[in-house]
Amino acid sequence: MEEKIFTVREVTRLIKNIIEQGTGFLWVQGEISNFKAHSSGHFYFSLKDESSQLSCVMFRDENRKLELKPEDGMEVHAYGRIGVYEKQGVYQLYVYDMKPVGIGELARRFEALKKKLKSEGLFEKEYKKLLPDFPLKIGVVTASTGAAIQDILNILSRRAPYVEVILKPVKVQGKNAADEITQAINEFNKYGDVDLLIVGRGGGSIEDLWAFNEEKVARAIFNSEIPVISAVGHEIDFTISDFVADLRAPTPSAAAELAVRDKKEILESINNLLKTAGRLFFNNIEQKRERQKNLSKRYGIVRVVDTIRQKKQSVDEYERRIISKITYVFSMKSQMIEGISKRLGGLDPSAVLGRGYTITRRLPEMKIISTIKDIRLYDRLAIEFTDGITRAIIDKKNLQNKEDTGK
């Protein structure tokens, strides 16, 4: 009997039937490796453990229902069936559903802590602090490397370059991450010289974000005297930190935008305020002017104004009378002073000298000589004329009196 010879296709189909009929649907646990999202919408990746690797495919119709975002290194439970891809002759897992390993326990812990803190009132709006309108110093609690801090710095420098950013680098996942985040928040509050805190990290799996679901982190945020913006993960991610923070931002980038107002917006607001203030100022002046006009037209006001004007006129009249009287008195006093001056002028010796008289004084004491009897022989005399003084010495020849001259 001649032995049957199989084609490659027949062998492949034989293996395909054996595998598919023998395995059926099953759950497989492994770590995602070589993940690729094809432009067709299908996912291609491998599941591996410490000793083996299994090729996997998840078609677009199935993967669009996923609640997680697959990525390399993620430990998952994949549900599907083993099949053979005939064209390449390889077996693979056709995946219909996928869940992160441990999601059930983490979800239980999440809900339990959420319920506990909510019952204590940590989520209530009455405890939410208002964010400052114009923070000048912003503290950031996140990893020193990665997209989160870069996004925050880029947006703050563009929107508010005047803001000072103080980074407290911490671990944001893994062992001791929650302790470091808690300590950083407490240190900022002890330091006290910041206006606002941004606490967060970029997206990831629930395990990656778990530090922000720890009770110690939640209580540190709630007890912070500084307003806190929680910025953890992507928009679809929610953590306990989001519920206790004063404001939840869907992403670190959104946190930076919520923290500050754009400088263009500030300048526009200032310009609008100046325009409004100027308009109100001039409107107020116009209203005052109109009110003054209306008041001045009222009868009572007119009478008051007329009375004031009459009083002013009376004052002017009194002023004229006083000035006239002062002028008269001044004129009389001037004439009196002029008469006295003339009389004094007549008594002035220099005026007598002008009429041909002289004044004779004995030297050196300058005693005035009024009679010839007071003159002695050899006296030295100073004789004053109207235009000068001359000196003379008395000798026998000129020492004569009226009696002598008469003989």
Protein backbone atom coordinates (compact mmCIF):
# COMPACT_ATOMS: atom_id res chain seq x y z
CA MET A 1 0.00 0.00 0.00
CA GLU A 2 1.40 3.35 -1.04
CA GLU A 3 2.10 5.80 1.86
CA LYS A 4 0.07 9.09 1.83
CA ILE A 5 2.02 12.25 1.23
CA PHE A 6 0.65 15.45 2.85
CA THR A 7 0.95 18.92 1.50
CA VAL A 8 2.18 21.71 3.81
CA ARG A 9 -1.30 23.15 3.84
CA GLU A 10 -2.82 19.81 4.86
CA VAL A 11 -0.35 19.36 7.68
CA THR A 12 -1.00 22.91 8.89
CA ARG A 13 -4.76 22.35 8.85
CA LEU A 14 -4.36 19.06 10.67
CA ILE A 15 -2.37 20.73 13.42
CA LYS A 16 -4.87 23.61 13.46
CA ASN A 17 -7.79 21.24 14.00
CA ILE A 18 -6.00 19.31 16.72
CA ILE A 19 -5.00 22.44 18.61
CA GLU A 20 -8.28 24.30 18.28
CA GLN A 21 -10.42 21.30 19.14
CA GLY A 22 -8.18 20.28 21.99
CA THR A 23 -7.85 23.63 23.77
CA GLY A 24 -10.97 25.71 23.25
CA PHE A 25 -11.26 29.05 25.11
CA LEU A 26 -8.95 29.72 28.07
CA TRP A 27 -7.34 32.43 30.24
CA VAL A 28 -3.59 32.94 29.90
CA GLN A 29 -1.42 34.96 32.29
CA GLY A 30 1.73 36.64 31.03
CA GLU A 31 3.71 39.83 30.51
CA ILE A 32 3.04 41.88 27.36
CA SER A 33 6.04 42.12 25.05
CA ASN A 34 6.66 43.62 21.58
CA PHE A 35 3.29 45.36 21.63
CA LYS A 36 2.25 47.05 18.37
CA ALA A 37 -0.99 48.82 17.52
CA HIS A 38 -1.31 48.42 13.73
CA SER A 39 -2.80 51.13 11.52
CA SER A 40 -5.63 48.67 10.80
CA GLY A 41 -6.64 48.92 14.46
CA HIS A 42 -5.50 45.38 15.35
CA PHE A 43 -3.13 44.70 18.29
CA TYR A 44 -0.13 42.41 17.84
CA PHE A 45 1.98 41.36 20.81
CA SER A 46 3.40 38.44 22.76
CA LEU A 47 2.72 37.05 26.21
CA LYS A 48 5.77 35.74 28.00
CA ASP A 49 6.84 34.33 31.33
CA GLU A 50 10.26 33.33 32.64
CA SER A 51 10.60 30.40 30.19
CA SER A 52 8.19 30.72 27.24
CA GLN A 53 6.55 33.10 24.80
CA LEU A 54 3.16 33.04 23.06
CA SER A 55 2.24 35.14 20.00
CA CYS A 56 -1.09 36.99 20.32
CA VAL A 57 -3.44 39.01 18.16
CA MET A 58 -6.46 41.07 19.24
CA PHE A 59 -8.62 42.33 16.42
CA ARG A 60 -10.06 45.81 16.32
CA ASP A 61 -13.65 44.74 17.09
CA GLU A 62 -12.49 43.23 20.40
CA ASN A 63 -9.80 45.69 21.50
CA ARG A 64 -12.04 48.75 21.18
CA LYS A 65 -13.93 47.47 24.24
CA LEU A 66 -10.84 47.38 26.46
CA GLU A 67 -10.77 49.56 29.58
CA LEU A 68 -6.98 49.39 29.84
CA LYS A 69 -4.25 50.59 27.49
CA PRO A 70 -1.88 47.66 26.79
CA GLU A 71 1.83 48.38 26.89
CA ASP A 72 5.08 46.47 27.18
CA GLY A 73 5.83 45.10 30.63
CA MET A 74 2.19 44.99 31.75
CA GLU A 75 1.16 41.75 33.49
CA VAL A 76 -2.28 40.68 32.21
CA HIS A 77 -4.84 37.92 32.05
CA ALA A 78 -5.79 37.38 28.39
CA TYR A 79 -8.94 35.46 27.41
CA GLY A 80 -9.13 33.78 24.01
CA ARG A 81 -8.53 30.65 21.98
CA ILE A 82 -5.46 29.04 20.50
CA GLY A 83 -5.43 28.98 16.70
CA VAL A 84 -3.00 28.48 13.84
CA TYR A 85 -2.13 31.19 11.34
CA GLU A 86 -1.92 28.97 8.25
CA LYS A 87 0.03 31.36 6.06
CA GLN A 88 3.04 31.25 8.38
CA GLY A 89 2.31 27.95 10.06
CA VAL A 90 2.47 29.36 13.57
CA TYR A 91 0.07 29.01 16.44
CA GLN A 92 -1.13 32.07 18.35
CA LEU A 93 -3.65 33.24 20.90
CA TYR A 94 -6.63 35.09 19.47
CA VAL A 95 -7.51 37.44 22.34
CA TYR A 96 -11.09 38.53 23.06
CA ASP A 97 -10.62 40.18 26.45
CA MET A 98 -7.79 41.32 28.68
CA LYS A 99 -7.46 42.49 32.29
CA PRO A 100 -4.49 43.61 34.36
CA VAL A 101 -3.30 41.09 36.91
CA GLY A 102 -4.43 42.00 40.42
CA ILE A 103 -7.01 44.55 39.25
CA GLY A 104 -9.69 42.93 41.35
CA GLU A 105 -7.80 43.34 44.65
CA LEU A 106 -6.65 46.87 43.82
CA ALA A 107 -10.16 47.88 42.81
CA ARG A 108 -11.47 46.51 46.11
CA ARG A 109 -8.88 48.47 48.10
CA PHE A 110 -9.61 51.59 46.05
CA GLU A 111 -13.34 51.44 46.71
CA ALA A 112 -12.84 50.66 50.41
CA LEU A 113 -10.55 53.67 50.98
CA LYS A 114 -12.78 55.89 48.87
CA LYS A 115 -15.81 54.95 50.98
CA LYS A 116 -13.89 55.47 54.24
CA LEU A 117 -12.55 58.94 53.36
CA LYS A 118 -15.87 60.04 51.92
CA SER A 119 -17.65 59.08 55.15
CA GLU A 120 -15.14 61.28 57.03
CA GLY A 121 -16.00 64.23 54.82
CA LEU A 122 -12.63 64.55 53.07
CA PHE A 123 -14.32 64.94 49.69
CA GLU A 124 -16.74 67.70 50.75
CA LYS A 125 -16.69 71.03 48.88
CA GLU A 126 -16.70 73.02 52.10
CA TYR A 127 -13.10 71.93 52.71
CA LYS A 128 -11.87 72.85 49.24
CA LYS A 129 -9.52 75.85 49.35
CA LEU A 130 -9.72 78.49 46.64
CA LEU A 131 -6.77 78.67 44.29
CA PRO A 132 -4.90 82.02 44.26
CA ASP A 133 -5.70 84.19 41.25
CA PHE A 134 -2.07 85.15 40.64
CA PRO A 135 0.35 82.66 42.26
CA LEU A 136 3.97 83.79 42.14
CA LYS A 137 5.55 80.60 43.51
CA ILE A 138 4.30 77.12 42.58
CA GLY A 139 5.60 73.93 44.19
CA VAL A 140 5.58 70.75 42.09
CA VAL A 141 5.69 67.23 43.57
CA THR A 142 6.55 64.75 40.82
CA ALA A 143 9.46 62.86 39.26
CA SER A 144 12.40 64.97 38.12
CA THR A 145 12.43 63.16 34.77
CA GLY A 146 9.60 62.36 32.45
CA ALA A 147 6.98 64.16 30.43
CA ALA A 148 4.93 65.44 33.40
CA ILE A 149 7.46 67.98 34.73
CA GLN A 150 8.45 69.05 31.23
CA ASP A 151 4.82 69.70 30.26
CA ILE A 152 4.27 71.71 33.45
CA LEU A 153 7.40 73.83 32.97
CA ASN A 154 6.71 74.49 29.29
CA ILE A 155 3.15 75.66 29.86
CA LEU A 156 3.99 77.80 32.91
CA SER A 157 6.87 79.51 31.08
CA ARG A 158 4.58 80.28 28.15
CA ARG A 159 1.52 81.43 30.08
CA ALA A 160 3.14 83.04 33.14
CA PRO A 161 6.92 83.53 32.78
CA TYR A 162 6.93 85.56 36.01
CA VAL A 163 6.07 82.47 38.11
CA GLU A 164 8.83 80.75 40.10
CA VAL A 165 8.61 76.93 40.04
CA ILE A 166 10.07 74.89 42.91
CA LEU A 167 10.38 71.16 42.16
CA LYS A 168 10.49 68.53 44.89
CA PRO A 169 11.54 65.37 43.00
CA VAL A 170 9.97 62.14 44.28
CA LYS A 171 9.33 58.60 43.19
CA VAL A 172 5.86 58.39 41.67
CA GLN A 173 5.48 54.62 41.57
CA GLY A 174 6.80 51.55 43.28
CA LYS A 175 8.12 51.02 46.78
CA ASN A 176 8.39 54.11 49.05
CA ALA A 177 6.70 56.34 46.43
CA ALA A 178 3.76 57.16 48.72
CA ASP A 179 6.16 58.00 51.59
CA GLU A 180 8.19 60.38 49.42
CA ILE A 181 5.08 62.13 48.05
CA THR A 182 3.67 62.55 51.59
CA GLN A 183 6.97 63.91 52.90
CA ALA A 184 7.28 66.38 49.99
CA ILE A 185 3.79 67.81 50.61
CA ASN A 186 4.53 68.18 54.33
CA GLU A 187 7.88 69.85 53.63
CA PHE A 188 6.27 72.40 51.33
CA ASN A 189 3.77 73.24 54.07
CA LYS A 190 6.58 73.57 56.60
CA TYR A 191 8.55 75.74 54.19
CA GLY A 192 5.42 77.80 53.56
CA ASP A 193 6.80 80.11 50.88
CA VAL A 194 4.71 78.81 47.97
CA ASP A 195 1.24 79.85 46.84
CA LEU A 196 0.11 76.61 45.17
CA LEU A 197 1.06 72.92 44.88
CA ILE A 198 0.77 70.64 41.84
CA VAL A 199 0.98 66.95 42.81
CA GLY A 200 0.95 64.26 40.14
CA ARG A 201 2.53 62.26 37.35
CA GLY A 202 1.83 61.03 33.83
CA GLY A 203 -0.47 58.17 32.90
CA GLY A 204 0.00 54.47 33.50
CA SER A 205 -1.66 51.35 34.75
CA ILE A 206 -3.54 51.22 38.02
CA GLU A 207 -0.44 49.71 39.59
CA ASP A 208 1.68 52.60 38.31
CA LEU A 209 -0.71 55.18 39.76
CA TRP A 210 -1.29 53.34 43.03
CA ALA A 211 0.89 55.63 45.17
CA PHE A 212 -1.74 58.33 44.67
CA ASN A 213 -4.38 55.94 46.04
CA GLU A 214 -2.57 55.52 49.36
CA GLU A 215 -4.30 56.89 52.47
CA LYS A 216 -1.18 58.72 53.72
CA VAL A 217 -0.95 60.70 50.47
CA ALA A 218 -4.66 61.50 50.55
CA ARG A 219 -4.48 62.82 54.12
CA ALA A 220 -1.35 64.86 53.39
CA ILE A 221 -3.16 66.57 50.51
CA PHE A 222 -6.30 67.16 52.62
CA ASN A 223 -4.31 68.60 55.55
CA SER A 224 -2.19 70.87 53.34
CA GLU A 225 -2.56 74.56 54.18
CA ILE A 226 -1.41 75.29 50.62
CA PRO A 227 -4.05 74.74 47.91
CA VAL A 228 -3.35 71.54 45.95
CA ILE A 229 -4.07 70.62 42.32
CA SER A 230 -4.05 66.86 41.73
CA ALA A 231 -2.73 65.99 38.26
CA VAL A 232 -2.44 62.21 38.02
CA GLY A 233 -2.48 60.22 34.81
CA HIS A 234 -4.66 60.76 31.79
CA GLU A 235 -8.15 62.23 31.60
CA ILE A 236 -9.80 58.82 32.16
CA ASP A 237 -7.69 58.05 35.24
CA PHE A 238 -9.10 58.81 38.70
CA THR A 239 -7.25 58.41 41.98
CA ILE A 240 -8.08 59.05 45.62
CA SER A 241 -5.81 62.11 45.43
CA ASP A 242 -8.16 63.62 42.86
CA PHE A 243 -11.09 63.45 45.28
CA VAL A 244 -9.33 65.06 48.27
CA ALA A 245 -7.42 67.75 46.33
CA ASP A 246 -8.76 71.28 46.09
CA LEU A 247 -8.90 70.89 42.31
CA ARG A 248 -8.52 67.90 40.01
CA ALA A 249 -6.76 68.35 36.66
CA PRO A 250 -7.12 65.61 34.03
CA THR A 251 -3.41 65.81 33.09
CA PRO A 252 -0.24 67.57 34.32
CA SER A 253 -0.49 69.93 31.33
CA ALA A 254 -4.04 70.85 32.29
CA ALA A 255 -2.88 71.46 35.88
CA ALA A 256 -0.36 74.05 34.68
CA GLU A 257 -3.05 75.78 32.63
CA LEU A 258 -5.49 75.82 35.56
CA ALA A 259 -2.83 77.10 37.96
CA VAL A 260 -2.15 80.41 36.21
CA ARG A 261 -3.88 82.88 33.96
CA ASP A 262 -2.34 83.55 30.58
CA LYS A 263 -0.29 86.77 30.48
CA LYS A 264 -2.26 87.90 27.41
CA GLU A 265 -5.50 87.45 29.31
CA ILE A 266 -4.10 89.44 32.26
CA LEU A 267 -3.02 92.34 30.03
CA GLU A 268 -6.39 92.34 28.30
CA SER A 269 -8.18 92.39 31.66
CA ILE A 270 -6.02 95.31 32.84
CA ASN A 271 -6.78 97.27 29.66
CA ASN A 272 -10.50 96.60 30.04
CA LEU A 273 -10.39 97.70 33.69
CA LEU A 274 -8.59 100.92 32.76
CA LYS A 275 -11.13 101.66 30.04
CA THR A 276 -14.01 100.94 32.41
CA ALA A 277 -12.48 103.09 35.16
CA GLY A 278 -11.94 105.97 32.74
CA ARG A 279 -15.49 105.73 31.47
CA LEU A 280 -16.93 105.63 34.99
CA PHE A 281 -14.75 108.57 36.02
CA PHE A 282 -15.88 110.83 33.20
CA ASN A 283 -19.50 109.69 33.55
CA ASN A 284 -19.33 110.59 37.23
CA ILE A 285 -17.94 114.04 36.44
CA GLU A 286 -20.66 114.61 33.86
CA GLN A 287 -23.32 113.54 36.35
CA LYS A 288 -21.91 115.92 38.99
CA ARG A 289 -21.82 118.76 36.47
CA GLU A 290 -25.41 118.10 35.41
CA ARG A 291 -26.53 117.89 39.01
CA GLN A 292 -24.81 121.18 39.78
CA LYS A 293 -26.63 122.83 36.88
CA ASN A 294 -29.95 121.50 38.07
CA LEU A 295 -29.31 122.67 41.63
CA SER A 296 -28.27 126.14 40.49
CA LYS A 297 -31.61 126.55 38.70
CA ARG A 298 -33.70 125.93 41.81
CA TYR A 299 -35.33 129.02 43.42
CA GLY A 300 -33.86 128.42 46.87
CA ILE A 301 -30.35 128.07 45.47
CA VAL A 302 -30.82 131.20 43.33
CA ARG A 303 -31.84 133.22 46.41
CA VAL A 304 -28.82 131.96 48.31
CA VAL A 305 -26.57 132.88 45.38
CA ASP A 306 -28.16 136.37 45.16
CA THR A 307 -27.68 136.88 48.89
CA ILE A 308 -24.04 135.90 48.62
CA ARG A 309 -23.58 138.28 45.70
CA GLN A 310 -25.21 141.15 47.66
CA LYS A 311 -22.94 140.46 50.59
CA LYS A 312 -19.97 140.56 48.25
CA GLN A 313 -21.20 143.91 46.91
CA SER A 314 -21.54 145.26 50.48
CA VAL A 315 -18.01 144.14 51.21
CA ASP A 316 -16.80 145.99 48.10
CA GLU A 317 -18.59 149.15 49.31
CA TYR A 318 -17.04 148.92 52.79
CA GLU A 319 -13.67 148.40 51.14
CA ARG A 320 -14.06 151.60 49.07
CA ARG A 321 -15.05 153.61 52.17
CA ILE A 322 -12.12 152.33 54.20
CA ILE A 323 -9.66 153.03 51.38
CA SER A 324 -11.07 156.59 50.97
CA LYS A 325 -10.77 157.29 54.69
CA ILE A 326 -7.27 155.91 54.86
CA THR A 327 -6.29 158.05 51.85
CA TYR A 328 -7.70 161.18 53.54
CA VAL A 329 -5.94 160.51 56.84
CA PHE A 330 -2.71 159.76 54.98
CA SER A 331 -2.98 163.06 53.07
CA MET A 332 -3.53 165.06 56.29
CA LYS A 333 -0.62 163.38 58.00
CA SER A 334 1.58 164.03 54.99
CA GLN A 335 0.79 167.75 55.08
CA MET A 336 1.48 167.88 58.81
CA ILE A 337 4.82 166.10 58.35
CA GLU A 338 5.70 168.48 55.52
CA GLY A 339 5.02 171.55 57.78
CA ILE A 340 7.08 170.15 60.60
CA SER A 341 9.85 169.38 58.16
CA LYS A 342 9.89 172.98 56.94
CA ARG A 343 10.03 174.33 60.49
CA LEU A 344 12.83 171.99 61.35
CA GLY A 345 14.60 173.08 58.21
CA GLY A 346 14.49 176.66 59.40
CA LEU A 347 16.21 175.64 62.58
CA ASP A 348 18.91 173.79 60.73
CA PRO A 349 22.30 175.60 61.25
CA SER A 350 23.27 174.84 57.67
CA ALA A 351 20.32 176.91 56.51
CA VAL A 352 21.58 179.88 58.59
CA LEU A 353 25.01 179.48 57.05
CA GLY A 354 23.45 179.78 53.66
CA ARG A 355 22.37 183.31 54.51
CA GLY A 356 25.99 184.51 55.14
CA TYR A 357 26.45 183.55 58.76
CA THR A 358 29.27 181.39 60.16
CA ILE A 359 29.79 179.14 63.17
CA THR A 360 32.97 179.58 65.20
CA ARG A 361 34.37 176.82 67.45
CA ARG A 362 37.45 176.76 69.68
CA LEU A 363 39.92 174.02 68.92
CA PRO A 364 40.50 171.41 69.95
CA GLU A 365 37.32 170.86 72.04
CA MET A 366 35.15 172.34 69.23
CA LYS A 367 33.21 174.50 71.70
CA ILE A 368 30.93 177.00 69.95
CA ILE A 369 31.92 180.67 70.53
CA SER A 370 28.88 182.95 70.66
CA THR A 371 30.64 186.17 71.90
CA ILE A 372 34.02 187.75 71.36
CA LYS A 373 34.49 187.86 75.08
CA ASP A 374 35.00 184.12 75.01
CA ILE A 375 38.03 184.47 72.74
CA ARG A 376 41.52 184.69 74.18
CA LEU A 377 44.81 185.64 72.60
CA TYR A 378 46.36 182.92 70.51
CA ASP A 379 43.20 180.77 70.48
CA ARG A 380 42.92 178.43 67.54
CA LEU A 381 39.50 178.64 65.93
CA ALA A 382 37.51 176.64 63.33
CA ILE A 383 35.19 178.82 61.32
CA GLU A 384 32.41 176.96 59.44
CA PHE A 385 30.91 178.47 56.28
CA THR A 386 28.13 177.06 54.19
CA ASP A 387 30.61 175.49 51.79
CA GLY A 388 33.49 174.53 54.11
CA ILE A 389 35.58 175.13 57.28
CA THR A 390 38.71 177.30 57.72
CA ARG A 391 41.04 177.75 60.69
CA ALA A 392 42.38 180.92 62.30
CA ILE A 393 44.72 182.02 65.17
CA ILE A 394 43.83 185.09 67.26
CA ASP A 395 46.54 187.75 67.60
CA LYS A 396 46.47 191.16 69.23
CA LYS A 397 45.58 193.02 66.09
CA ASN A 398 42.33 191.17 65.39
CA LEU A 399 41.25 190.76 69.00
CA GLN A 400 38.84 193.68 69.11
CA ASN A 401 35.32 194.00 70.39
CA LYS A 402 32.53 196.38 69.43
CA GLU A 403 33.54 198.90 72.04
CA ASP A 404 37.10 199.00 70.71
CA THR A 405 35.92 199.51 67.17
CA GLY A 406 33.64 202.34 68.24
CA LYS A 407 36.40 204.44 69.91
